[in-house]
Protein backbone atom coordinates (compact mmCIF):
# COMPACT_ATOMS: atom_id res chain seq x y z
CA UNK A 1 16.85 -19.66 3.62
CA UNK A 2 15.86 -21.34 6.86
CA UNK A 3 18.52 -19.40 8.74
CA UNK A 4 17.35 -16.19 7.05
CA UNK A 5 13.74 -16.79 8.10
CA UNK A 6 14.78 -17.60 11.66
CA UNK A 7 16.85 -14.42 11.96
CA UNK A 8 14.20 -12.28 10.24
CA UNK A 9 11.02 -13.55 11.89
CA UNK A 10 11.97 -15.49 15.01
CA UNK A 11 14.24 -12.76 16.31
CA UNK A 12 13.47 -9.60 14.34
CA UNK A 13 9.67 -9.59 14.18
CA UNK A 14 9.19 -11.29 17.54
CA UNK A 15 11.32 -8.73 19.35
CA UNK A 16 9.45 -5.90 17.62
CA UNK A 17 6.03 -7.31 18.53
CA UNK A 18 7.16 -7.69 22.12
CA UNK A 19 8.99 -4.38 22.49
CA UNK A 20 7.19 -1.70 20.49
CA UNK A 21 4.87 0.50 22.54
CA UNK A 22 1.91 0.20 20.15
CA UNK A 23 1.88 -3.59 20.38
CA UNK A 24 2.26 -3.43 24.16
CA UNK A 25 -0.73 -1.07 24.31
CA UNK A 26 -3.14 -2.78 21.90
CA UNK A 27 -2.23 -6.47 21.65
CA UNK A 28 -1.97 -9.48 23.94
CA UNK A 29 0.03 -12.30 22.39
CA UNK A 30 -0.98 -14.72 25.14
CA UNK A 31 -4.69 -14.63 24.26
CA UNK A 32 -5.02 -13.91 20.53
CA UNK A 33 -4.74 -17.57 19.42
CA UNK A 34 -7.48 -18.64 21.83
CA UNK A 35 -9.67 -15.74 20.72
CA UNK A 36 -9.26 -16.57 17.03
CA UNK A 37 -10.15 -20.19 17.79
CA UNK A 38 -13.27 -19.02 19.64
CA UNK A 39 -14.20 -16.77 16.70
CA UNK A 40 -13.78 -19.60 14.20
CA UNK A 41 -15.98 -21.97 16.20
CA UNK A 42 -18.59 -19.30 16.96
CA UNK A 43 -18.96 -18.33 13.30
CA UNK A 44 -19.27 -22.00 12.33
CA UNK A 45 -22.09 -22.41 14.88
CA UNK A 46 -23.83 -19.30 13.52
CA UNK A 47 -23.64 -20.67 9.99
CA UNK A 48 -25.34 -23.87 11.14
CA UNK A 49 -28.07 -22.05 13.09
CA UNK A 50 -28.84 -19.07 10.87
CA UNK A 51 -27.47 -20.04 7.45
CA UNK A 52 -24.26 -19.29 5.59
CA UNK A 53 -25.70 -16.40 3.49
CA UNK A 54 -26.85 -14.46 6.58
CA UNK A 55 -23.47 -14.81 8.30
CA UNK A 56 -21.54 -13.94 5.13
CA UNK A 57 -23.63 -10.82 4.52
CA UNK A 58 -23.05 -9.63 8.08
CA UNK A 59 -19.32 -10.32 7.83
CA UNK A 60 -19.14 -8.48 4.50
CA UNK A 61 -20.74 -5.42 6.08
CA UNK A 62 -18.48 -5.55 9.13
CA UNK A 63 -15.36 -6.00 6.99
CA UNK A 64 -16.35 -2.98 4.89
CA UNK A 65 -16.28 -0.93 8.11
CA UNK A 66 -13.45 -2.65 9.98
CA UNK A 67 -11.06 0.31 9.58
CA UNK A 68 -13.65 2.21 11.63
CA UNK A 69 -13.80 -0.49 14.28
CA UNK A 70 -10.75 0.58 16.27
CA UNK A 71 -10.14 2.78 19.27
CA UNK A 72 -7.30 5.18 18.55
CA UNK A 73 -7.05 6.04 22.23
CA UNK A 74 -7.55 3.91 25.31
CA UNK A 75 -11.04 4.14 26.76
CA UNK A 76 -11.29 4.94 30.49
CA UNK A 77 -11.52 1.80 32.59
CA UNK A 78 -14.89 1.10 34.16
CA UNK A 79 -15.09 1.89 37.85
CA UNK A 80 -16.74 -0.27 40.49
CA UNK A 81 -20.25 0.36 41.80
CA UNK A 82 -18.86 1.28 45.21
CA UNK A 83 -16.52 3.87 43.71
CA UNK A 84 -19.30 5.30 41.54
CA UNK A 85 -21.58 5.55 44.60
CA UNK A 86 -18.85 7.35 46.55
CA UNK A 87 -18.32 9.80 43.69
CA UNK A 88 -22.06 10.46 43.46
CA UNK A 89 -22.28 11.19 47.18
CA UNK A 90 -19.29 13.50 46.88
CA UNK A 91 -20.93 15.40 44.02
CA UNK A 92 -24.21 15.72 45.92
CA UNK A 93 -22.40 17.02 48.99
CA UNK A 94 -20.56 19.60 46.91
CA UNK A 95 -23.74 20.78 45.15
CA UNK A 96 -25.55 21.04 48.48
CA UNK A 97 -22.74 23.20 49.85
CA UNK A 98 -23.20 25.64 46.96
CA UNK A 99 -26.95 26.16 47.50
CA UNK A 100 -28.00 29.81 47.72
CA UNK A 101 -31.60 30.36 48.83
CA UNK A 102 -31.76 33.72 47.05
CA UNK A 103 -31.88 31.95 43.66
CA UNK A 104 -35.32 30.59 44.58
CA UNK A 105 -36.75 34.14 44.42
CA UNK A 106 -35.63 34.68 40.79
CA UNK A 107 -38.53 34.23 38.30
CA UNK A 108 -38.16 31.18 36.08
CA UNK A 109 -37.81 31.73 32.34
CA UNK A 110 -39.46 29.61 29.73
CA UNK A 111 -37.23 26.93 28.24
CA UNK A 112 -37.32 26.62 24.48
CA UNK A 113 -37.87 23.21 22.94
CA UNK A 114 -34.57 23.53 21.10
CA UNK A 115 -32.73 23.85 24.41
CA UNK A 116 -34.34 20.65 25.66
CA UNK A 117 -32.95 18.55 22.81
CA UNK A 118 -29.97 16.43 23.74
CA UNK A 119 -27.90 14.98 20.93
CA UNK A 120 -27.05 11.29 21.07
CA UNK A 121 -24.23 10.50 21.26
CA UNK A 122 -23.23 13.59 23.23
CA UNK A 123 -19.82 13.57 21.49
CA UNK A 124 -18.88 12.23 18.03
CA UNK A 125 -17.79 8.58 18.07
CA UNK A 126 -14.90 7.48 15.82
CA UNK A 127 -15.29 3.74 16.53
CA UNK A 128 -18.32 3.10 14.35
CA UNK A 129 -18.41 -0.69 14.82
CA UNK A 130 -18.28 -0.29 18.60
CA UNK A 131 -21.19 2.14 18.44
CA UNK A 132 -23.14 -0.27 16.22
CA UNK A 133 -22.43 -3.18 18.56
CA UNK A 134 -23.67 -1.28 21.59
CA UNK A 135 -26.57 0.72 20.15
CA UNK A 136 -27.96 -0.85 16.94
CA UNK A 137 -31.66 -1.38 17.83
CA UNK A 138 -32.42 -4.44 15.69
CA UNK A 139 -29.32 -6.63 15.97
CA UNK A 140 -29.76 -10.09 17.43
CA UNK A 141 -27.32 -11.15 20.18
CA UNK A 142 -25.39 -13.41 17.78
CA UNK A 143 -25.08 -10.54 15.31
CA UNK A 144 -23.68 -8.25 17.99
CA UNK A 145 -21.11 -10.90 18.82
CA UNK A 146 -20.06 -11.15 15.16
CA UNK A 147 -19.65 -7.36 15.02
CA UNK A 148 -17.58 -7.58 18.18
CA UNK A 149 -15.36 -10.32 16.72
CA UNK A 150 -14.56 -8.26 13.62
CA UNK A 151 -13.96 -5.18 15.76
CA UNK A 152 -11.63 -6.98 18.18
CA UNK A 153 -9.57 -8.51 15.37
CA UNK A 154 -9.34 -5.14 13.63
CA UNK A 155 -8.13 -3.60 16.89
CA UNK A 156 -5.47 -6.32 17.20
CA UNK A 157 -4.04 -5.42 13.78
CA UNK A 158 -4.28 -1.67 14.37
CA UNK A 159 -0.57 -1.33 15.34
CA UNK A 160 0.57 -3.22 12.25
CA UNK A 161 -0.81 -0.53 9.94
CA UNK A 162 1.31 2.10 11.70
CA UNK A 163 4.61 0.23 11.91
CA UNK A 164 5.24 -1.48 8.56
CA UNK A 165 8.43 0.46 7.79
CA UNK A 166 9.79 -0.03 11.31
CA UNK A 167 8.68 -3.65 11.67
CA UNK A 168 10.09 -4.86 8.36
CA UNK A 169 13.12 -2.61 8.68
CA UNK A 170 13.89 -3.98 12.14
CA UNK A 171 13.58 -7.61 11.02
CA UNK A 172 15.68 -6.97 7.90
CA UNK A 173 18.32 -5.10 9.91
CA UNK A 174 18.71 -8.01 12.29
CA UNK A 175 18.75 -10.81 9.73
CA UNK A 176 21.47 -8.86 7.88
CA UNK A 177 23.45 -8.20 11.08
CA UNK A 178 23.16 -11.73 12.48
CA UNK A 179 24.00 -13.62 9.29
CA UNK A 180 26.94 -11.35 8.47
CA UNK A 181 28.24 -11.90 12.00
CA UNK A 182 28.00 -15.67 11.48
CA UNK A 183 30.00 -15.28 8.26
CA UNK A 184 32.64 -13.12 9.96
CA UNK A 185 33.02 -15.80 12.64
CA UNK A 186 33.50 -18.47 9.96
CA UNK A 187 30.34 -20.33 10.93
CA UNK A 188 28.77 -20.22 7.46
CA UNK A 189 30.27 -20.69 4.00
CA UNK A 190 30.79 -18.33 1.07
CA UNK A 191 28.05 -20.16 -0.80
CA UNK A 192 25.66 -19.54 2.10
CA UNK A 193 26.37 -15.82 2.35
CA UNK A 194 26.10 -15.28 -1.42
CA UNK A 195 22.73 -17.03 -1.51
CA UNK A 196 21.61 -14.93 1.44
CA UNK A 197 22.79 -11.65 -0.13
CA UNK A 198 20.98 -12.49 -3.37
CA UNK A 199 17.70 -12.81 -1.45
CA UNK A 200 18.42 -9.83 0.81
CA UNK A 201 19.23 -7.40 -2.00
CA UNK A 202 16.06 -8.39 -3.82
CA UNK A 203 14.01 -7.60 -0.72
CA UNK A 204 15.55 -4.15 -0.11
CA UNK A 205 15.66 -3.04 -3.75
CA UNK A 206 14.18 0.42 -4.33
CA UNK A 207 13.22 1.17 -7.96
CA UNK A 208 13.66 4.76 -9.16
CA UNK A 209 10.58 6.97 -9.37
CA UNK A 210 10.61 6.77 -13.18
CA UNK A 211 11.05 3.00 -13.28
CA UNK A 212 8.16 0.91 -14.67
CA UNK A 213 8.51 -1.21 -11.51
CA UNK A 214 8.07 1.75 -9.13
CA UNK A 215 5.04 1.43 -6.85
CA UNK A 216 6.06 3.69 -3.99
CA UNK A 217 8.76 3.54 -1.36
CA UNK A 218 9.72 0.00 -0.40
CA UNK A 219 9.14 -0.30 3.38
CA UNK A 220 11.86 -2.96 3.63
CA UNK A 221 14.36 -0.69 1.89
CA UNK A 222 13.53 2.44 3.89
CA UNK A 223 13.31 0.72 7.28
CA UNK A 224 16.52 -1.26 6.79
CA UNK A 225 18.41 1.81 5.56
CA UNK A 226 17.23 3.89 8.53
CA UNK A 227 18.30 1.36 11.17
CA UNK A 228 21.62 0.91 9.37
CA UNK A 229 21.99 4.69 9.33
CA UNK A 230 21.33 4.96 13.06
CA UNK A 231 24.13 2.46 13.64
CA UNK A 232 26.45 4.41 11.33
CA UNK A 233 25.70 7.72 13.06
CA UNK A 234 26.51 6.15 16.42
CA UNK A 235 29.76 4.52 15.30
CA UNK A 236 31.14 6.94 12.70
CA UNK A 237 29.30 10.28 12.70
CA UNK A 238 30.07 13.05 10.24
CA UNK A 239 29.89 16.77 10.99
CA UNK A 240 26.46 16.78 9.37
CA UNK A 241 25.31 13.93 11.62
CA UNK A 242 26.56 15.76 14.72
CA UNK A 243 24.60 18.85 13.67
CA UNK A 244 21.37 16.93 12.99
CA UNK A 245 21.62 14.25 15.70
CA UNK A 246 23.79 15.61 18.55
CA UNK A 247 22.35 13.17 21.12
CA UNK A 248 22.71 10.18 18.80
CA UNK A 249 26.19 10.73 17.38
CA UNK A 250 28.82 8.71 19.23
CA UNK A 251 26.34 6.88 21.48
CA UNK A 252 25.97 3.11 21.83
CA UNK A 253 24.34 1.88 18.62
CA UNK A 254 22.61 -1.09 20.23
CA UNK A 255 20.90 1.11 22.82
CA UNK A 256 20.00 3.62 20.10
CA UNK A 257 18.29 1.15 17.75
CA UNK A 258 16.41 -0.46 20.63
CA UNK A 259 15.23 2.94 21.88
CA UNK A 260 13.93 3.72 18.39
CA UNK A 261 12.21 0.34 18.11
CA UNK A 262 10.52 0.66 21.51
CA UNK A 263 9.20 4.21 21.32
CA UNK A 264 8.20 5.14 17.77
CA UNK A 265 5.81 4.34 14.94
CA UNK A 266 6.48 4.93 11.24
CA UNK A 267 5.39 8.56 11.21
CA UNK A 268 7.38 9.64 14.26
CA UNK A 269 10.32 7.34 13.39
CA UNK A 270 10.80 9.07 10.03
CA UNK A 271 10.30 12.51 11.59
CA UNK A 272 12.98 11.76 14.16
CA UNK A 273 15.60 9.68 12.35
CA UNK A 274 15.51 10.28 8.58
CA UNK A 275 18.92 11.83 7.90
CA UNK A 276 20.08 14.10 5.05
CA UNK A 277 22.41 11.31 3.90
CA UNK A 278 19.49 8.92 3.42
CA UNK A 279 17.49 11.55 1.57
CA UNK A 280 20.40 11.92 -0.83
CA UNK A 281 20.88 8.15 -1.12
CA UNK A 282 17.21 7.64 -1.95
CA UNK A 283 17.16 10.77 -4.16
CA UNK A 284 14.01 11.96 -2.43
CA UNK A 285 12.07 15.00 -3.53
CA UNK A 286 8.68 16.44 -2.57
CA UNK A 287 5.87 17.43 -4.89
CA UNK A 288 2.93 19.74 -4.29
CA UNK A 289 -0.19 18.54 -6.08
CA UNK A 290 -2.73 21.33 -5.53
CA UNK A 291 -6.16 20.61 -7.00
CA UNK A 292 -6.61 24.35 -7.64
CA UNK A 293 -3.61 24.43 -9.99
CA UNK A 294 -3.19 22.75 -13.36
CA UNK A 295 0.39 21.70 -12.72
CA UNK A 296 2.44 19.73 -10.18
CA UNK A 297 5.18 21.64 -8.39
CA UNK A 298 8.48 20.21 -7.13
CA UNK A 299 8.45 21.87 -3.72
CA UNK A 300 11.67 20.44 -2.24
CA UNK A 301 14.70 18.40 -3.25
CA UNK A 302 17.43 16.70 -1.22
CA UNK A 303 19.50 19.79 -0.43
CA UNK A 304 20.01 22.05 2.58
CA UNK A 305 16.82 24.00 1.98
CA UNK A 306 14.64 20.94 1.37
CA UNK A 307 15.69 18.32 3.93
CA UNK A 308 13.17 19.23 6.62
CA UNK A 309 10.27 19.62 4.21
CA UNK A 310 10.99 16.24 2.61
CA UNK A 311 11.18 14.58 6.00
CA UNK A 312 7.92 16.20 7.11
CA UNK A 313 6.06 15.23 3.93
CA UNK A 314 7.36 11.66 3.94
CA UNK A 315 6.38 11.21 7.58
CA UNK A 316 2.90 12.55 6.78
CA UNK A 317 2.43 9.76 4.23
CA UNK A 318 2.51 7.25 7.11
CA UNK A 319 0.09 9.17 9.33
CA UNK A 320 -3.16 7.18 9.46
CA UNK A 321 -5.22 10.33 9.88
CA UNK A 322 -4.01 11.38 6.43
CA UNK A 323 -4.75 7.97 4.90
CA UNK A 324 -8.23 7.23 6.26
CA UNK A 325 -11.18 9.64 5.96
CA UNK A 326 -12.26 11.28 9.20
CA UNK A 327 -15.81 9.92 9.54
CA UNK A 328 -17.56 9.74 12.91
CA UNK A 329 -21.00 8.99 14.30
CA UNK A 330 -22.51 12.42 14.90
CA UNK A 331 -26.16 11.90 15.80
CA UNK A 332 -28.97 9.38 16.14
CA UNK A 333 -32.58 10.55 15.92
CA UNK A 334 -33.63 8.50 18.93
CA UNK A 335 -37.02 10.24 19.27
CA UNK A 336 -37.81 10.12 15.57
CA UNK A 337 -36.97 7.73 12.75
CA UNK A 338 -33.77 6.43 14.45
CA UNK A 339 -31.70 7.56 11.49
CA UNK A 340 -27.94 7.49 11.99
CA UNK A 341 -25.98 10.57 10.90
CA UNK A 342 -22.28 10.33 10.08
CA UNK A 343 -20.10 13.40 9.80
CA UNK A 344 -17.15 13.58 7.40
CA UNK A 345 -14.40 16.20 7.77
CA UNK A 346 -12.22 16.34 4.61
CA UNK A 347 -8.42 16.43 4.85
CA UNK A 348 -6.85 18.96 2.45
CA UNK A 349 -10.00 18.87 0.31
CA UNK A 350 -9.38 15.24 -0.68
CA UNK A 351 -12.75 13.75 -1.71
CA UNK A 352 -14.07 10.39 -0.62
CA UNK A 353 -13.59 7.38 -2.86
CA UNK A 354 -16.30 6.75 -5.43
CA UNK A 355 -17.61 3.70 -3.56
CA UNK A 356 -18.66 5.51 -0.38
CA UNK A 357 -22.33 4.96 -1.19
CA UNK A 358 -21.70 1.20 -1.29
CA UNK A 359 -20.17 1.42 2.18
CA UNK A 360 -23.28 3.25 3.40
CA UNK A 361 -25.34 0.28 2.22
CA UNK A 362 -23.31 -2.02 4.46
CA UNK A 363 -23.81 0.33 7.41
CA UNK A 364 -27.54 0.51 6.69
CA UNK A 365 -27.71 -3.29 6.71
CA UNK A 366 -26.37 -3.61 10.25
CA UNK A 367 -27.89 -0.41 11.71
CA UNK A 368 -31.36 -1.25 10.42
CA UNK A 369 -32.55 2.34 9.87
CA UNK A 370 -31.67 5.23 7.56
CA UNK A 371 -28.02 6.29 7.39
CA UNK A 372 -27.08 9.85 6.40
CA UNK A 373 -23.57 11.05 5.52
CA UNK A 374 -22.78 14.74 6.04
CA UNK A 375 -19.69 16.66 4.97
CA UNK A 376 -18.36 19.59 6.98
CA UNK A 377 -17.14 22.29 4.60
CA UNK A 378 -14.19 24.60 5.29
CA UNK A 379 -16.68 27.32 6.21
CA UNK A 380 -18.21 25.07 8.87
CA UNK A 381 -21.41 24.53 6.88
CA UNK A 382 -22.73 20.97 6.81
CA UNK A 383 -23.85 19.42 3.54
CA UNK A 384 -25.46 16.03 3.03
CA UNK A 385 -23.44 13.86 0.66
CA UNK A 386 -25.62 10.78 0.53
CA UNK A 387 -28.18 8.71 2.38
CA UNK A 388 -29.14 5.07 2.40
CA UNK A 389 -31.81 4.43 1.36
CA UNK A 390 -32.06 7.44 -0.93
CA UNK A 391 -34.22 10.18 0.59
CA UNK A 392 -35.76 13.28 -0.95
CA UNK A 393 -37.26 14.84 2.17
CA UNK A 394 -34.16 16.72 3.25
CA UNK A 395 -32.28 19.76 2.03
CA UNK A 396 -28.78 18.94 0.80
CA UNK A 397 -27.49 22.03 2.59
CA UNK A 398 -27.99 22.22 6.34
């Protein structure tokens, strides 16, 4: 078991964390331990100064929102004061060059009050915790730092949510490859390899859809099978493989699996590499569960007419935008009651979970003023779903 863990984690997971583009973009292995140590000590100091209940309540609220504490795209880097000054001078020079004195003779028109209103923020903000950290009016400095800690840790784990199939599949592929190579070289015994295979087969077992043990597709099983399949296509391609993967068939398998590991996440990995053979091996089929119909339709099976639809639907199951509701900060009434308005855009008419009002309570706790949740209908009309605290001075339809 020790050799299995070393091959699985020390080589497999470590190489994935180091090589995959998402981890290179969003994580820094050299600093995370120090940051977690700082966070631990800082929270302990806050508990001593302000009390355990206050810190726990704030952490509970931040944890309830931590999935909305990540940047999905890199923010532009801040520029220096000198560069900003140079850009400002350049803009002023350009505007001055466009001056036309004739415009001064045109009568001025009255500006309506509605045109003077500027929404804040000017664009919707998907990172709710970042917005809270920077703009919540009533937070104390220590509370802002706690919000920042939860947000930074959530950002660190952001790639993990998108690469479970690949990460576990990569580690399983390499522990299987390395330990079988040791056995082929005569470096381990029959007893060793049998014990290893007993553990390995338990990890990659995939129950049938009608099994009482079925709880979805096993990421270990799917990821391992896909990396094994890439190797097979490279070494011994069939006519079907050549048709589906002309650039992959016959190429170097080691380069191919490393290219896949470096440049994909679960969604794109499945879209690119899930082969018809694997769909048949896993007996995959797609269902269409339309809320407007009183039945579930089998929309595709593992045959020539269904391969692409199955691959597309399976990949969509690993797309975070399909798994997490699209909720963004839309507006703050900075000149009024400072209420915070969130805007929710449904995906395929899937409703929010029943506990969304409880989440609003957590947001209200750290924002300090009213929080309103709007839903954007398919027609574009906005409708208020809930508010915290409950309000009766607004129309549910906007």
